[in-house]
C-alpha atoms as a PDB file:
ATOM      1  CA  PRO A   1    -114.334-101.896-108.735  1.00  0.00           C
ATOM      2  CA  GLY A   2    -110.970-100.343-107.887  1.00  0.00           C
ATOM      3  CA  THR A   3    -109.130-102.945-109.934  1.00  0.00           C
ATOM      4  CA  VAL A   4    -111.495-102.457-112.877  1.00  0.00           C
ATOM      5  CA  ARG A   5    -110.829 -98.696-112.815  1.00  0.00           C
ATOM      6  CA  ALA A   6    -107.102 -99.360-112.646  1.00  0.00           C
ATOM      7  CA  ILE A   7    -107.318-101.695-115.673  1.00  0.00           C
ATOM      8  CA  ALA A   8    -109.228 -99.023-117.609  1.00  0.00           C
ATOM      9  CA  MET A   9    -106.532 -96.464-116.736  1.00  0.00           C
ATOM     10  CA  MET A  10    -103.849 -98.963-117.784  1.00  0.00           C
ATOM     11  CA  CYS A  11    -105.468 -99.356-121.213  1.00  0.00           C
ATOM     12  CA  LEU A  12    -105.857 -95.580-121.567  1.00  0.00           C
ATOM     13  CA  GLY A  13    -102.217 -95.123-120.639  1.00  0.00           C
ATOM     14  CA  SER A  14    -101.141 -97.640-123.294  1.00  0.00           C
ATOM     15  CA  LEU A  15    -103.247 -95.824-125.882  1.00  0.00           C
ATOM     16  CA  CYS A  16    -101.679 -92.477-124.922  1.00  0.00           C
ATOM     17  CA  PHE A  17     -98.147 -93.862-125.170  1.00  0.00           C
ATOM     18  CA  THR A  18     -98.860 -95.272-128.633  1.00  0.00           C
ATOM     19  CA  LEU A  19    -100.301 -91.945-129.816  1.00  0.00           C
ATOM     20  CA  ASN A  20     -97.217 -90.181-128.470  1.00  0.00           C
ATOM     21  CA  ASP A  21     -94.933 -92.599-130.320  1.00  0.00           C
ATOM     22  CA  THR A  22     -96.804 -92.059-133.573  1.00  0.00           C
ATOM     23  CA  MET A  23     -96.653 -88.256-133.381  1.00  0.00           C
ATOM     24  CA  THR A  24     -92.996 -88.339-132.315  1.00  0.00           C
ATOM     25  CA  LYS A  25     -92.177 -90.470-135.357  1.00  0.00           C
ATOM     26  CA  PHE A  26     -93.277 -87.549-137.577  1.00  0.00           C
ATOM     27  CA  LEU A  27     -90.892 -85.193-135.732  1.00  0.00           C
ATOM     28  CA  ILE A  28     -87.796 -87.357-135.439  1.00  0.00           C
ATOM     29  CA  ASP A  29     -86.429 -86.574-138.908  1.00  0.00           C
ATOM     30  CA  ARG A  30     -86.550 -82.793-138.374  1.00  0.00           C
ATOM     31  CA  TYR A  31     -85.479 -82.318-134.756  1.00  0.00           C
ATOM     32  CA  ASP A  32     -82.832 -83.648-132.390  1.00  0.00           C
ATOM     33  CA  VAL A  33     -83.982 -85.883-129.540  1.00  0.00           C
ATOM     34  CA  PRO A  34     -83.315 -83.339-126.712  1.00  0.00           C
ATOM     35  CA  VAL A  35     -85.320 -80.684-128.580  1.00  0.00           C
ATOM     36  CA  ILE A  36     -88.305 -83.001-129.009  1.00  0.00           C
ATOM     37  CA  ILE A  37     -88.343 -83.957-125.327  1.00  0.00           C
ATOM     38  CA  PHE A  38     -87.850 -80.378-124.098  1.00  0.00           C
ATOM     39  CA  VAL A  39     -90.510 -78.749-126.300  1.00  0.00           C
ATOM     40  CA  ARG A  40     -92.927 -81.592-125.593  1.00  0.00           C
ATOM     41  CA  SER A  41     -92.436 -81.230-121.834  1.00  0.00           C
ATOM     42  CA  LEU A  42     -92.534 -77.426-121.936  1.00  0.00           C
ATOM     43  CA  LEU A  43     -95.841 -77.391-123.820  1.00  0.00           C
ATOM     44  CA  ALA A  44     -97.347 -80.015-121.537  1.00  0.00           C
ATOM     45  CA  MET A  45     -97.138 -77.904-118.365  1.00  0.00           C
ATOM     46  CA  PRO A  46     -99.440 -74.979-119.306  1.00  0.00           C
ATOM     47  CA  LEU A  47    -101.760 -77.335-121.207  1.00  0.00           C
ATOM     48  CA  LEU A  48    -102.137 -79.596-118.170  1.00  0.00           C
ATOM     49  CA  ALA A  49    -102.572 -76.644-115.788  1.00  0.00           C
ATOM     50  CA  GLY A  50    -105.335 -75.217-117.970  1.00  0.00           C
ATOM     51  CA  MET A  51    -107.089 -78.553-118.447  1.00  0.00           C
ATOM     52  CA  ALA A  52    -106.961 -79.199-114.700  1.00  0.00           C
ATOM     53  CA  VAL A  53    -109.004 -76.043-114.103  1.00  0.00           C
ATOM     54  CA  VAL A  54    -111.383 -76.316-117.073  1.00  0.00           C
ATOM     55  CA  ILE A  55    -111.970 -80.083-117.177  1.00  0.00           C
ATOM     56  CA  GLY A  56    -110.969 -81.348-113.763  1.00  0.00           C
ATOM     57  CA  ARG A  57    -112.269 -78.357-111.772  1.00  0.00           C
ATOM     58  CA  ASP A  58    -109.033 -78.661-109.864  1.00  0.00           C
ATOM     59  CA  ARG A  59    -105.503 -77.288-109.854  1.00  0.00           C
ATOM     60  CA  ILE A  60    -101.936 -78.534-109.835  1.00  0.00           C
ATOM     61  CA  ARG A  61    -100.750 -79.018-106.263  1.00  0.00           C
ATOM     62  CA  TRP A  62     -97.277 -79.261-104.788  1.00  0.00           C
ATOM     63  CA  SER A  63     -96.478 -82.815-103.681  1.00  0.00           C
ATOM     64  CA  ALA A  64     -94.625 -83.930-100.579  1.00  0.00           C
ATOM     65  CA  HIS A  65     -93.031 -86.587-102.785  1.00  0.00           C
ATOM     66  CA  ALA A  66     -91.275 -84.104-105.090  1.00  0.00           C
ATOM     67  CA  PRO A  67     -87.885 -85.901-104.705  1.00  0.00           C
ATOM     68  CA  LEU A  68     -89.487 -89.153-105.890  1.00  0.00           C
ATOM     69  CA  TYR A  69     -91.022 -87.296-108.840  1.00  0.00           C
ATOM     70  CA  ALA A  70     -87.562 -85.928-109.627  1.00  0.00           C
ATOM     71  CA  LEU A  71     -86.099 -89.436-109.642  1.00  0.00           C
ATOM     72  CA  ARG A  72     -88.982 -90.726-111.782  1.00  0.00           C
ATOM     73  CA  GLY A  73     -88.486 -87.757-114.105  1.00  0.00           C
ATOM     74  CA  ALA A  74     -84.803 -88.564-114.547  1.00  0.00           C
ATOM     75  CA  ILE A  75     -85.548 -92.231-115.292  1.00  0.00           C
ATOM     76  CA  ASN A  76     -88.363 -91.296-117.665  1.00  0.00           C
ATOM     77  CA  LEU A  77     -86.081 -88.817-119.440  1.00  0.00           C
ATOM     78  CA  LEU A  78     -83.438 -91.482-120.011  1.00  0.00           C
ATOM     79  CA  ALA A  79     -86.115 -93.903-121.205  1.00  0.00           C
ATOM     80  CA  ALA A  80     -87.575 -91.339-123.610  1.00  0.00           C
ATOM     81  CA  TYR A  81     -84.094 -90.473-124.904  1.00  0.00           C
ATOM     82  CA  LEU A  82     -83.328 -94.133-125.649  1.00  0.00           C
ATOM     83  CA  TYR A  83     -86.751 -94.737-127.136  1.00  0.00           C
ATOM     84  CA  ILE A  84     -86.705 -91.800-129.532  1.00  0.00           C
ATOM     85  CA  HIS A  85     -83.194 -92.748-130.660  1.00  0.00           C
ATOM     86  CA  GLY A  86     -84.539 -96.234-131.331  1.00  0.00           C
ATOM     87  CA  LEU A  87     -87.406 -94.796-133.380  1.00  0.00           C
ATOM     88  CA  LYS A  88     -84.848 -93.371-135.809  1.00  0.00           C
ATOM     89  CA  HIS A  89     -84.080 -96.903-136.958  1.00  0.00           C
ATOM     90  CA  LEU A  90     -87.294 -98.825-136.193  1.00  0.00           C
ATOM     91  CA  SER A  91     -90.934 -98.429-137.123  1.00  0.00           C
ATOM     92  CA  VAL A  92     -93.476 -97.541-134.427  1.00  0.00           C
ATOM     93  CA  ALA A  93     -94.872-101.090-134.625  1.00  0.00           C
ATOM     94  CA  GLU A  94     -91.433-102.699-134.187  1.00  0.00           C
ATOM     95  CA  ALA A  95     -90.505-100.429-131.276  1.00  0.00           C
ATOM     96  CA  THR A  96     -93.871-100.941-129.561  1.00  0.00           C
ATOM     97  CA  VAL A  97     -93.598-104.719-129.751  1.00  0.00           C
ATOM     98  CA  ILE A  98     -90.126-104.726-128.179  1.00  0.00           C
ATOM     99  CA  LEU A  99     -91.186-102.263-125.473  1.00  0.00           C
ATOM    100  CA  PHE A 100     -93.783-104.760-124.335  1.00  0.00           C
ATOM    101  CA  ALA A 101     -91.164-106.850-122.621  1.00  0.00           C
ATOM    102  CA  SER A 102     -92.023-104.430-119.800  1.00  0.00           C
ATOM    103  CA  PRO A 103     -95.192-106.254-118.561  1.00  0.00           C
ATOM    104  CA  PHE A 104     -93.176-109.440-118.043  1.00  0.00           C
ATOM    105  CA  ILE A 105     -90.500-107.508-116.128  1.00  0.00           C
ATOM    106  CA  ILE A 106     -93.179-105.848-113.975  1.00  0.00           C
ATOM    107  CA  THR A 107     -94.837-109.175-113.148  1.00  0.00           C
ATOM    108  CA  VAL A 108     -91.522-110.750-112.110  1.00  0.00           C
ATOM    109  CA  ALA A 109     -90.707-107.711-109.967  1.00  0.00           C
ATOM    110  CA  SER A 110     -94.152-107.687-108.351  1.00  0.00           C
ATOM    111  CA  ALA A 111     -93.701-111.311-107.286  1.00  0.00           C
ATOM    112  CA  THR A 112     -90.119-110.947-106.055  1.00  0.00           C
ATOM    113  CA  LEU A 113     -90.001-107.414-104.644  1.00  0.00           C
ATOM    114  CA  PHE A 114     -93.582-106.797-103.523  1.00  0.00           C
ATOM    115  CA  LYS A 115     -94.379-110.442-102.698  1.00  0.00           C
ATOM    116  CA  GLU A 116     -97.639-110.318-104.644  1.00  0.00           C
ATOM    117  CA  THR A 117     -99.454-113.582-105.256  1.00  0.00           C
ATOM    118  CA  VAL A 118     -99.286-114.148-108.998  1.00  0.00           C
ATOM    119  CA  GLY A 119    -101.658-116.914-110.101  1.00  0.00           C
ATOM    120  CA  TRP A 120    -100.961-119.199-113.037  1.00  0.00           C
ATOM    121  CA  GLN A 121    -103.486-117.316-115.211  1.00  0.00           C
ATOM    122  CA  LYS A 122    -101.492-114.095-114.891  1.00  0.00           C
ATOM    123  CA  TRP A 123     -98.223-115.890-115.604  1.00  0.00           C
ATOM    124  CA  VAL A 124     -99.739-117.460-118.715  1.00  0.00           C
ATOM    125  CA  ALA A 125    -101.011-114.047-119.898  1.00  0.00           C
ATOM    126  CA  VAL A 126     -97.673-112.279-119.558  1.00  0.00           C
ATOM    127  CA  LEU A 127     -95.612-115.244-120.792  1.00  0.00           C
ATOM    128  CA  VAL A 128     -97.667-115.558-123.962  1.00  0.00           C
ATOM    129  CA  GLY A 129     -97.212-111.842-124.569  1.00  0.00           C
ATOM    130  CA  PHE A 130     -93.487-112.039-123.812  1.00  0.00           C
ATOM    131  CA  CYS A 131     -93.070-114.977-126.222  1.00  0.00           C
ATOM    132  CA  GLY A 132     -94.697-112.796-128.863  1.00  0.00           C
ATOM    133  CA  VAL A 133     -92.150-110.088-128.095  1.00  0.00           C
ATOM    134  CA  MET A 134     -89.269-112.535-128.495  1.00  0.00           C
ATOM    135  CA  ILE A 135     -90.666-113.817-131.789  1.00  0.00           C
ATOM    136  CA  ALA A 136     -91.000-110.243-133.041  1.00  0.00           C
ATOM    137  CA  MET A 137     -87.435-109.359-131.978  1.00  0.00           C
ATOM    138  CA  ARG A 138     -85.980-112.540-133.522  1.00  0.00           C
ATOM    139  CA  PRO A 139     -82.669-112.164-131.633  1.00  0.00           C
ATOM    140  CA  GLY A 140     -79.721-113.427-133.599  1.00  0.00           C
ATOM    141  CA  SER A 141     -81.476-113.306-136.961  1.00  0.00           C
ATOM    142  CA  ALA A 142     -80.693-110.979-139.855  1.00  0.00           C
ATOM    143  CA  ALA A 143     -83.802-108.959-138.997  1.00  0.00           C
ATOM    144  CA  PHE A 144     -82.444-108.016-135.552  1.00  0.00           C
ATOM    145  CA  GLN A 145     -81.143-104.437-135.283  1.00  0.00           C
ATOM    146  CA  PRO A 146     -78.879-102.945-132.591  1.00  0.00           C
ATOM    147  CA  ALA A 147     -81.515-100.231-132.078  1.00  0.00           C
ATOM    148  CA  SER A 148     -83.746-102.947-130.622  1.00  0.00           C
ATOM    149  CA  LEU A 149     -81.469-103.023-127.566  1.00  0.00           C
ATOM    150  CA  LEU A 150     -82.231 -99.341-126.911  1.00  0.00           C
ATOM    151  CA  ILE A 151     -85.946-100.125-126.780  1.00  0.00           C
ATOM    152  CA  LEU A 152     -85.343-103.166-124.567  1.00  0.00           C
ATOM    153  CA  ALA A 153     -83.360-101.022-122.108  1.00  0.00           C
ATOM    154  CA  CYS A 154     -86.245 -98.568-122.207  1.00  0.00           C
ATOM    155  CA  ALA A 155     -88.622-101.401-121.218  1.00  0.00           C
ATOM    156  CA  PHE A 156     -86.627-102.005-118.023  1.00  0.00           C
ATOM    157  CA  LEU A 157     -86.666 -98.282-117.197  1.00  0.00           C
ATOM    158  CA  TYR A 158     -90.427 -97.991-117.776  1.00  0.00           C
ATOM    159  CA  ALA A 159     -90.970-100.998-115.528  1.00  0.00           C
ATOM    160  CA  SER A 160     -89.092 -99.270-112.704  1.00  0.00           C
ATOM    161  CA  ILE A 161     -91.177 -96.113-113.191  1.00  0.00           C
ATOM    162  CA  SER A 162     -94.401 -98.126-113.049  1.00  0.00           C
ATOM    163  CA  LEU A 163     -93.440 -99.944-109.855  1.00  0.00           C
ATOM    164  CA  SER A 164     -92.292 -96.727-108.125  1.00  0.00           C
ATOM    165  CA  ALA A 165     -95.905 -95.489-108.292  1.00  0.00           C
ATOM    166  CA  ARG A 166     -96.555 -97.535-105.140  1.00  0.00           C
ATOM    167  CA  TRP A 167     -94.763 -94.910-103.061  1.00  0.00           C
ATOM    168  CA  LEU A 168     -96.672 -91.859-104.323  1.00  0.00           C
ATOM    169  CA  LYS A 169     -99.338 -90.152-102.212  1.00  0.00           C
ATOM    170  CA  GLN A 170    -102.966 -91.051-102.859  1.00  0.00           C
ATOM    171  CA  ASP A 171    -103.766 -87.315-102.763  1.00  0.00           C
ATOM    172  CA  ASP A 172    -101.769 -86.667-105.943  1.00  0.00           C
ATOM    173  CA  ASN A 173    -104.353 -86.589-108.752  1.00  0.00           C
ATOM    174  CA  LEU A 174    -103.958 -87.200-112.493  1.00  0.00           C
ATOM    175  CA  TRP A 175    -103.103 -83.562-113.207  1.00  0.00           C
ATOM    176  CA  THR A 176    -100.415 -83.355-110.529  1.00  0.00           C
ATOM    177  CA  VAL A 177     -98.783 -86.664-111.509  1.00  0.00           C
ATOM    178  CA  SER A 178     -98.754 -85.725-115.207  1.00  0.00           C
ATOM    179  CA  PHE A 179     -97.521 -82.178-114.542  1.00  0.00           C
ATOM    180  CA  PHE A 180     -94.568 -83.224-112.384  1.00  0.00           C
ATOM    181  CA  GLY A 181     -93.558 -85.830-114.957  1.00  0.00           C
ATOM    182  CA  ALA A 182     -93.350 -83.144-117.645  1.00  0.00           C
ATOM    183  CA  ALA A 183     -91.778 -80.520-115.376  1.00  0.00           C
ATOM    184  CA  PHE A 184     -88.792 -82.569-114.254  1.00  0.00           C
ATOM    185  CA  SER A 185     -88.175 -83.862-117.772  1.00  0.00           C
ATOM    186  CA  ALA A 186     -88.057 -80.255-119.028  1.00  0.00           C
ATOM    187  CA  VAL A 187     -85.657 -79.182-116.259  1.00  0.00           C
ATOM    188  CA  PHE A 188     -83.254 -82.082-116.789  1.00  0.00           C
ATOM    189  CA  ILE A 189     -83.138 -81.931-120.602  1.00  0.00           C
ATOM    190  CA  ALA A 190     -83.032 -78.108-120.908  1.00  0.00           C
ATOM    191  CA  PRO A 191     -79.198 -77.739-121.065  1.00  0.00           C
ATOM    192  CA  LEU A 192     -78.930 -80.202-123.948  1.00  0.00           C
ATOM    193  CA  ALA A 193     -81.963 -78.873-125.807  1.00  0.00           C
ATOM    194  CA  ILE A 194     -80.969 -75.207-125.608  1.00  0.00           C
ATOM    195  CA  GLY A 195     -77.468 -76.095-126.759  1.00  0.00           C
ATOM    196  CA  ASP A 196     -78.922 -77.690-129.897  1.00  0.00           C
ATOM    197  CA  GLY A 197     -81.058 -74.640-130.696  1.00  0.00           C
ATOM    198  CA  LEU A 198     -84.837 -74.360-130.605  1.00  0.00           C
ATOM    199  CA  ALA A 199     -85.839 -73.453-134.144  1.00  0.00           C
ATOM    200  CA  ILE A 200     -89.364 -74.888-134.187  1.00  0.00           C
ATOM    201  CA  GLN A 201     -91.556 -74.746-137.274  1.00  0.00           C
ATOM    202  CA  ILE A 202     -95.034 -73.352-136.605  1.00  0.00           C
ATOM    203  CA  ASP A 203     -96.604 -76.174-138.602  1.00  0.00           C
ATOM    204  CA  ASP A 204     -95.183 -78.699-136.130  1.00  0.00           C
ATOM    205  CA  LEU A 205     -96.636 -77.107-132.989  1.00  0.00           C
ATOM    206  CA  ALA A 206     -99.810 -79.202-133.212  1.00  0.00           C
ATOM    207  CA  LEU A 207     -97.714 -82.393-133.332  1.00  0.00           C
ATOM    208  CA  PHE A 208     -95.625 -81.220-130.372  1.00  0.00           C
ATOM    209  CA  ALA A 209     -98.767 -80.361-128.395  1.00  0.00           C
ATOM    210  CA  GLY A 210    -100.354 -83.711-129.196  1.00  0.00           C
ATOM    211  CA  ALA A 211     -97.198 -85.555-128.178  1.00  0.00           C
ATOM    212  CA  ALA A 212     -96.996 -83.435-125.009  1.00  0.00           C
ATOM    213  CA  LEU A 213    -100.490 -84.364-123.839  1.00  0.00           C
ATOM    214  CA  SER A 214    -100.250 -87.993-124.937  1.00  0.00           C
ATOM    215  CA  SER A 215     -96.938 -88.521-123.161  1.00  0.00           C
ATOM    216  CA  SER A 216     -98.054 -86.764-119.968  1.00  0.00           C
ATOM    217  CA  PHE A 217    -101.404 -88.529-119.753  1.00  0.00           C
ATOM    218  CA  GLY A 218     -99.730 -91.846-120.511  1.00  0.00           C
ATOM    219  CA  ILE A 219     -97.483 -91.365-117.499  1.00  0.00           C
ATOM    220  CA  GLY A 220    -100.396 -90.092-115.406  1.00  0.00           C
ATOM    221  CA  PHE A 221    -102.848 -92.898-116.180  1.00  0.00           C
ATOM    222  CA  ALA A 222    -100.208 -95.624-115.807  1.00  0.00           C
ATOM    223  CA  THR A 223     -99.018 -94.174-112.485  1.00  0.00           C
ATOM    224  CA  LEU A 224    -102.530 -93.983-111.030  1.00  0.00           C
ATOM    225  CA  ALA A 225    -103.246 -97.510-112.244  1.00  0.00           C
ATOM    226  CA  TYR A 226    -100.167 -99.053-110.617  1.00  0.00           C
ATOM    227  CA  ARG A 227    -100.805 -97.065-107.463  1.00  0.00           C
ATOM    228  CA  SER A 228    -104.367 -98.410-107.213  1.00  0.00           C
ATOM    229  CA  ALA A 229    -104.010-102.137-107.946  1.00  0.00           C
ATOM    230  CA  GLN A 230    -101.528-104.986-107.881  1.00  0.00           C
ATOM    231  CA  ALA A 231     -98.920-104.754-110.624  1.00  0.00           C
ATOM    232  CA  SER A 232     -99.480-108.387-111.597  1.00  0.00           C
ATOM    233  CA  ASP A 233    -103.184-107.661-112.200  1.00  0.00           C
ATOM    234  CA  LEU A 234    -102.379-104.782-114.541  1.00  0.00           C
ATOM    235  CA  ALA A 235     -99.294-105.951-116.446  1.00  0.00           C
ATOM    236  CA  PRO A 236    -101.132-108.175-118.988  1.00  0.00           C
ATOM    237  CA  PHE A 237    -103.419-105.282-119.951  1.00  0.00           C
ATOM    238  CA  ALA A 238    -100.431-103.200-121.028  1.00  0.00           C
ATOM    239  CA  TYR A 239    -100.412-105.416-124.119  1.00  0.00           C
ATOM    240  CA  SER A 240    -103.551-103.579-125.285  1.00  0.00           C
ATOM    241  CA  GLY A 241    -101.141-101.067-126.833  1.00  0.00           C
ATOM    242  CA  LEU A 242    -100.030-103.695-129.342  1.00  0.00           C
ATOM    243  CA  ILE A 243    -103.411-103.408-131.065  1.00  0.00           C
END
């Protein structure tokens, strides 16, 4: 039952990330990357705090693993920065396909670093998905774009974030995990975002809020999933986002 719940959270996380990518694509032509990340993260914090009380009947708690959250926040910020830059030149579908090199990376890392037993069925699942990624990227062909490398680098960074979930406390709930992810991203990107100016159009606030929640819940669901089950069990289900 624990693995089934983790798989469900993995699929929800993939859905949230795809929704975030779609809403961000609408914003990328009007705002610089640091501004998008900062406003998204800034909006996420009060929204998550309010939803924790109203929906979760809970509250955001301080975590003893704050330094690890800070490190994860820095890695996630770099990944988001690379990804949004890539979206300037690629469609959401193209970027999503390339990003899904991440499940293969996670499976390899789970076998080598965490010594998980990865059966042949799991290897087949991730290898088939990874072959699809390679076909979609078509490296060396005229269709290949340098921006694809930004998304591929992002895949490695997201894999490291996913695997680091193993070291987080079990007491940290969805709201806390999501909140800290947004908070550290906002702190780290603030100097760049404020330097670019924060002239936000009122009509875009709904898109920013949607991206804020989607991004935060994507991180939250994926973190709880990888904390609750073996990475090799979950990695193939990340491909649900391709749909």
